[in-house]
Amino acid sequence: MTPQTSLDELIKKVGDLPPMPRVAQRALELIRDPKSDMGDVAKILAMDEAMASLVLRWANSAYYGLKFPVSTVNQAVTYLGYRTLHSLILAASVATLLERPVPGYALERGELWRHSIAVAAGARLIAADYGNQIAEEAYHAGLLCDIGKLALETLLRTTNINKPEWQGVPFEELEVSLFGVDHATLGAELARRWRLPSALVDAIAHHHQPSQASEGAILAAAVHLADASAMSLGIGLGKDGLQYIIDPQAVERMNWSEKKYNELADRIKPFVEEADEFIRLRRSNQ
């Protein structure tokens, strides 16, 4: 594979990558529209049996422990709220992709999914000081930041990355030298094709070099630190995690410290457990 390989050719390496389901895309658009209400969102979700079932099962899951189970999509949507619903719909749209094995990065089935949830949750917590909206956008950027790995991993399976000159080099630089593009750029292109907000696309593209981000600079910094934290905790630690370089500007921007890292480590573990529960519910719907 040469640096001249196009984004289209590399994205095809993901396999049969579907567009974001129309129902999910429309529901996300409504959630972001201040003029819409919960009833509008519920009507859209009710049109997709699988999505409606997942929303109902999630609202009634042991994770929430409702005393009186909800029985309609409208009730579930109202109970879950915009924030949880937005994250749930986006997660449902990418879960199948992220749960698959990624042997090119030495990740077994489910490891990329758990890592993505850990990064998403961590980014939300790190960005909390900037308000709920930015914190939620950071969650979504974290969830999708590594989806581009699915396009490169088949190429990495047959690539010897143990050459002495490549040791200690940031892994994204190694990707560029081998394939002409890194997984962050590929992930941003997928997000763009899914018509996700431009700040989110920018954050995904620059989550390894957050100082280069513009519109999504805060999101990129939050995701960068959360990604590094998840790696250091061994959550989704693949080949690339051993060569993760922290951007000092991100540390400064987010006022990052060892104390905050330790607090984050304790708080993201329940979200990894939640990720497993989400997959269990999703499989039971299939």
Protein backbone atom coordinates (compact mmCIF):
# COMPACT_ATOMS: atom_id res chain seq x y z
CA MET A 1 0.00 0.00 0.00
CA THR A 2 1.48 3.35 -1.00
CA PRO A 3 1.01 6.94 0.14
CA GLN A 4 -0.99 7.49 -3.05
CA THR A 5 -3.79 5.22 -1.82
CA SER A 6 -7.04 7.21 -1.72
CA LEU A 7 -9.31 7.61 1.28
CA ASP A 8 -12.03 5.77 -0.62
CA GLU A 9 -9.78 2.76 -1.17
CA LEU A 10 -8.74 2.64 2.47
CA ILE A 11 -12.27 3.09 3.77
CA LYS A 12 -13.28 0.06 1.72
CA LYS A 13 -10.93 -1.91 3.96
CA VAL A 14 -13.50 -1.55 6.73
CA GLY A 15 -15.65 -3.99 4.83
CA ASP A 16 -19.33 -3.48 4.17
CA LEU A 17 -19.48 -0.20 6.03
CA PRO A 18 -23.09 0.99 5.94
CA PRO A 19 -24.12 4.60 6.01
CA MET A 20 -25.49 5.66 9.37
CA PRO A 21 -29.06 4.30 9.51
CA ARG A 22 -31.48 6.95 8.31
CA VAL A 23 -33.65 6.64 11.42
CA ALA A 24 -30.62 7.11 13.67
CA GLN A 25 -29.35 10.04 11.61
CA ARG A 26 -32.74 11.76 11.67
CA ALA A 27 -33.13 11.16 15.41
CA LEU A 28 -29.71 12.72 16.06
CA GLU A 29 -30.64 15.72 13.94
CA LEU A 30 -33.84 16.20 15.96
CA ILE A 31 -31.99 15.91 19.27
CA ARG A 32 -29.62 18.68 18.16
CA ASP A 33 -32.53 20.86 17.00
CA PRO A 34 -33.68 23.13 19.85
CA LYS A 35 -37.11 23.42 18.18
CA SER A 36 -37.81 19.69 18.40
CA ASP A 37 -39.25 17.84 21.39
CA MET A 38 -39.13 14.33 22.83
CA GLY A 39 -42.32 13.38 21.01
CA ASP A 40 -40.68 14.06 17.64
CA VAL A 41 -37.70 11.89 18.54
CA ALA A 42 -39.90 9.07 19.83
CA LYS A 43 -41.92 9.01 16.60
CA ILE A 44 -38.77 8.63 14.51
CA LEU A 45 -37.31 5.88 16.69
CA ALA A 46 -40.61 3.99 16.72
CA MET A 47 -40.27 3.62 12.93
CA ASP A 48 -37.26 1.31 13.40
CA GLU A 49 -38.14 -1.88 15.29
CA ALA A 50 -34.56 -2.69 16.29
CA MET A 51 -33.81 0.84 17.51
CA ALA A 52 -37.12 1.10 19.36
CA SER A 53 -36.52 -2.24 21.05
CA LEU A 54 -33.00 -1.26 22.09
CA VAL A 55 -34.19 2.04 23.59
CA LEU A 56 -36.92 0.24 25.55
CA ARG A 57 -34.60 -2.49 26.79
CA TRP A 58 -31.93 0.02 27.79
CA ALA A 59 -34.41 2.14 29.77
CA ASN A 60 -35.66 -1.00 31.53
CA SER A 61 -32.23 -2.53 32.08
CA ALA A 62 -30.74 -3.29 35.46
CA TYR A 63 -28.37 -0.37 34.90
CA TYR A 64 -31.23 2.06 35.64
CA GLY A 65 -33.21 -0.13 38.01
CA LEU A 66 -36.60 1.43 37.36
CA LYS A 67 -39.25 0.56 39.95
CA PHE A 68 -41.95 0.72 37.31
CA PRO A 69 -40.76 -0.42 33.84
CA VAL A 70 -41.62 1.74 30.85
CA SER A 71 -43.62 0.14 28.04
CA THR A 72 -43.56 2.65 25.18
CA VAL A 73 -40.81 4.33 23.19
CA ASN A 74 -42.21 7.71 24.19
CA GLN A 75 -41.89 6.84 27.89
CA ALA A 76 -38.37 5.48 27.39
CA VAL A 77 -37.25 8.58 25.48
CA THR A 78 -38.70 10.88 28.13
CA TYR A 79 -37.03 8.94 30.93
CA LEU A 80 -33.62 8.63 29.31
CA GLY A 81 -33.42 12.28 28.26
CA TYR A 82 -31.67 13.91 25.32
CA ARG A 83 -28.13 13.38 26.57
CA THR A 84 -28.36 9.65 27.20
CA LEU A 85 -30.49 9.12 24.11
CA HIS A 86 -28.02 10.90 21.85
CA SER A 87 -25.16 8.74 23.16
CA LEU A 88 -27.25 5.57 22.92
CA ILE A 89 -28.26 6.15 19.29
CA LEU A 90 -24.72 6.96 18.23
CA ALA A 91 -23.35 3.95 20.09
CA ALA A 92 -25.96 1.67 18.55
CA SER A 93 -24.95 2.90 15.09
CA VAL A 94 -21.28 1.95 15.52
CA ALA A 95 -21.36 -0.91 18.03
CA THR A 96 -21.23 -3.66 15.41
CA LEU A 97 -18.15 -2.11 13.82
CA LEU A 98 -16.28 -1.37 17.03
CA GLU A 99 -16.99 -4.72 18.65
CA ARG A 100 -15.28 -6.77 15.94
CA PRO A 101 -11.72 -8.12 16.43
CA VAL A 102 -8.96 -5.80 15.23
CA PRO A 103 -5.96 -8.13 14.88
CA GLY A 104 -3.87 -5.58 12.98
CA TYR A 105 -3.69 -3.57 16.21
CA ALA A 106 -3.54 -6.72 18.39
CA LEU A 107 -7.06 -6.15 19.77
CA GLU A 108 -9.39 -9.06 20.42
CA ARG A 109 -13.13 -8.94 19.94
CA GLY A 110 -14.73 -6.28 22.15
CA GLU A 111 -11.47 -4.56 23.13
CA LEU A 112 -11.82 -1.65 20.70
CA TRP A 113 -15.44 -1.21 21.80
CA ARG A 114 -14.49 -1.10 25.50
CA HIS A 115 -11.63 1.26 24.75
CA SER A 116 -13.92 3.56 22.76
CA ILE A 117 -16.46 3.70 25.58
CA ALA A 118 -13.70 4.36 28.12
CA VAL A 119 -12.31 7.20 25.99
CA ALA A 120 -15.79 8.62 25.44
CA ALA A 121 -16.62 8.57 29.14
CA GLY A 122 -13.22 9.97 30.06
CA ALA A 123 -13.44 12.77 27.51
CA ARG A 124 -16.87 13.73 28.85
CA LEU A 125 -15.51 13.95 32.40
CA ILE A 126 -12.41 15.90 31.36
CA ALA A 127 -14.48 18.42 29.38
CA ALA A 128 -17.15 18.81 32.09
CA ASP A 129 -15.84 22.23 33.17
CA TYR A 130 -16.81 23.60 29.74
CA GLY A 131 -20.51 22.79 30.17
CA ASN A 132 -22.84 19.92 29.36
CA GLN A 133 -22.99 20.50 25.62
CA ILE A 134 -19.23 20.42 25.09
CA ALA A 135 -18.91 17.48 27.49
CA GLU A 136 -21.42 15.51 25.41
CA GLU A 137 -19.68 16.41 22.17
CA ALA A 138 -16.43 15.21 23.75
CA TYR A 139 -18.15 11.91 24.56
CA HIS A 140 -19.18 11.46 20.93
CA ALA A 141 -15.73 12.38 19.62
CA GLY A 142 -14.17 9.88 22.01
CA LEU A 143 -16.57 7.15 20.95
CA LEU A 144 -15.60 7.56 17.29
CA CYS A 145 -11.96 8.65 17.53
CA ASP A 146 -10.49 5.23 16.68
CA ILE A 147 -13.02 4.01 14.12
CA GLY A 148 -10.45 4.66 11.38
CA LYS A 149 -8.40 1.76 12.76
CA LEU A 150 -10.85 -0.58 11.10
CA ALA A 151 -9.65 0.67 7.72
CA LEU A 152 -5.95 0.21 8.44
CA GLU A 153 -5.87 -2.91 10.55
CA THR A 154 -6.03 -5.40 7.66
CA LEU A 155 -2.93 -3.75 6.21
CA LEU A 156 -1.11 -3.86 9.55
CA ARG A 157 -1.66 -7.60 9.89
CA THR A 158 1.08 -8.29 7.37
CA THR A 159 3.33 -5.36 8.23
CA ASN A 160 6.47 -5.74 10.32
CA ILE A 161 6.46 -2.74 12.65
CA ASN A 162 9.37 -3.94 14.78
CA LYS A 163 12.12 -2.28 12.79
CA PRO A 164 14.58 -0.43 15.08
CA GLU A 165 14.03 2.91 13.34
CA TRP A 166 10.30 2.76 14.12
CA GLN A 167 10.68 2.20 17.85
CA GLY A 168 9.61 5.20 19.94
CA VAL A 169 7.95 6.87 16.96
CA PRO A 170 4.33 7.97 17.55
CA PHE A 171 2.18 5.27 16.01
CA GLU A 172 0.17 7.71 13.90
CA GLU A 173 3.43 8.80 12.24
CA LEU A 174 4.16 5.16 11.50
CA GLU A 175 0.71 4.81 9.90
CA VAL A 176 1.36 7.81 7.66
CA SER A 177 4.78 6.52 6.64
CA LEU A 178 3.32 3.13 5.74
CA PHE A 179 -0.04 4.05 4.21
CA GLY A 180 0.02 7.80 3.56
CA VAL A 181 -2.72 8.47 6.12
CA ASP A 182 -3.39 7.76 9.81
CA HIS A 183 -6.44 6.28 11.50
CA ALA A 184 -7.50 9.68 12.87
CA THR A 185 -7.82 11.15 9.37
CA LEU A 186 -9.78 8.11 8.22
CA GLY A 187 -12.08 8.32 11.24
CA ALA A 188 -12.75 11.99 10.57
CA GLU A 189 -13.65 11.20 6.97
CA LEU A 190 -16.15 8.57 8.10
CA ALA A 191 -17.70 11.07 10.54
CA ARG A 192 -17.90 13.63 7.75
CA ARG A 193 -19.69 11.17 5.50
CA TRP A 194 -22.13 10.49 8.34
CA ARG A 195 -22.86 14.23 8.40
CA LEU A 196 -21.76 14.67 11.99
CA PRO A 197 -20.97 18.18 13.31
CA SER A 198 -17.79 19.80 12.00
CA ALA A 199 -16.32 20.34 15.49
CA LEU A 200 -16.63 16.62 16.15
CA VAL A 201 -14.98 15.80 12.81
CA ASP A 202 -12.13 18.19 13.65
CA ALA A 203 -11.64 16.61 17.07
CA ILE A 204 -11.48 13.08 15.65
CA ALA A 205 -8.98 14.18 13.00
CA HIS A 206 -6.65 15.75 15.59
CA HIS A 207 -7.09 13.65 18.70
CA HIS A 208 -3.40 12.68 18.59
CA GLN A 209 -2.26 16.27 17.90
CA PRO A 210 -4.92 18.36 19.67
CA SER A 211 -2.81 21.50 19.39
CA GLN A 212 -3.47 21.37 15.62
CA ALA A 213 -7.26 21.35 16.03
CA SER A 214 -9.26 24.51 15.44
CA GLU A 215 -13.04 24.31 15.83
CA GLY A 216 -12.83 21.16 17.94
CA ALA A 217 -9.74 22.10 19.97
CA ILE A 218 -11.27 21.51 23.41
CA LEU A 219 -12.89 18.28 22.29
CA ALA A 220 -9.62 17.06 20.77
CA ALA A 221 -7.66 17.83 23.95
CA ALA A 222 -10.22 16.01 26.11
CA VAL A 223 -10.24 12.96 23.84
CA HIS A 224 -6.43 12.95 23.63
CA LEU A 225 -6.01 12.80 27.40
CA ALA A 226 -8.82 10.28 27.83
CA ASP A 227 -7.30 8.08 25.10
CA ALA A 228 -3.91 8.14 26.79
CA SER A 229 -5.51 7.40 30.16
CA ALA A 230 -7.44 4.40 28.82
CA MET A 231 -4.25 3.07 27.24
CA SER A 232 -2.32 3.45 30.50
CA LEU A 233 -5.07 1.53 32.31
CA GLY A 234 -4.73 -1.30 29.80
CA ILE A 235 -8.20 -0.78 28.31
CA GLY A 236 -7.79 -1.58 24.63
CA LEU A 237 -4.01 -1.46 24.79
CA GLY A 238 -2.94 -2.67 21.36
CA LYS A 239 0.23 -2.26 19.37
CA ASP A 240 -0.17 1.51 19.14
CA GLY A 241 -0.69 2.10 22.86
CA LEU A 242 2.95 1.43 23.58
CA GLN A 243 3.96 4.45 21.50
CA TYR A 244 1.47 7.09 22.68
CA ILE A 245 2.97 10.57 23.00
CA ILE A 246 1.17 13.09 25.25
CA ASP A 247 0.70 16.58 23.81
CA PRO A 248 1.87 19.07 26.50
CA GLN A 249 -0.49 21.74 25.16
CA ALA A 250 -3.44 19.45 25.87
CA VAL A 251 -2.17 18.98 29.42
CA GLU A 252 -1.99 22.74 29.86
CA ARG A 253 -5.32 23.52 28.16
CA MET A 254 -7.27 21.03 30.28
CA ASN A 255 -5.27 21.72 33.47
CA TRP A 256 -4.44 18.02 33.60
CA SER A 257 -2.68 16.54 36.62
CA GLU A 258 -1.82 13.22 38.22
CA LYS A 259 -4.63 13.78 40.73
CA LYS A 260 -7.18 14.22 37.93
CA TYR A 261 -5.83 11.13 36.19
CA ASN A 262 -6.29 9.03 39.33
CA GLU A 263 -9.83 10.33 39.76
CA LEU A 264 -10.60 9.59 36.11
CA ALA A 265 -9.23 6.05 36.40
CA ASP A 266 -11.72 5.26 39.15
CA ARG A 267 -14.68 6.86 37.38
CA ILE A 268 -14.39 5.31 33.91
CA LYS A 269 -14.33 1.67 35.07
CA PRO A 270 -18.15 1.52 35.52
CA PHE A 271 -18.56 2.79 31.96
CA VAL A 272 -16.53 -0.14 30.64
CA GLU A 273 -18.89 -2.45 32.51
CA GLU A 274 -21.77 -0.51 30.94
CA ALA A 275 -20.26 -1.15 27.51
CA ASP A 276 -20.47 -4.90 28.09
CA GLU A 277 -24.08 -4.57 29.22
CA PHE A 278 -24.91 -2.56 26.12
CA ILE A 279 -23.52 -5.28 23.85
CA ARG A 280 -25.41 -7.95 25.79
CA LEU A 281 -28.70 -6.08 25.29
CA ARG A 282 -27.92 -5.40 21.66
CA ARG A 283 -27.18 -9.07 20.92
CA SER A 284 -30.42 -10.13 22.61
CA ASN A 285 -32.30 -7.89 20.16
CA GLN A 286 -30.77 -9.59 17.12
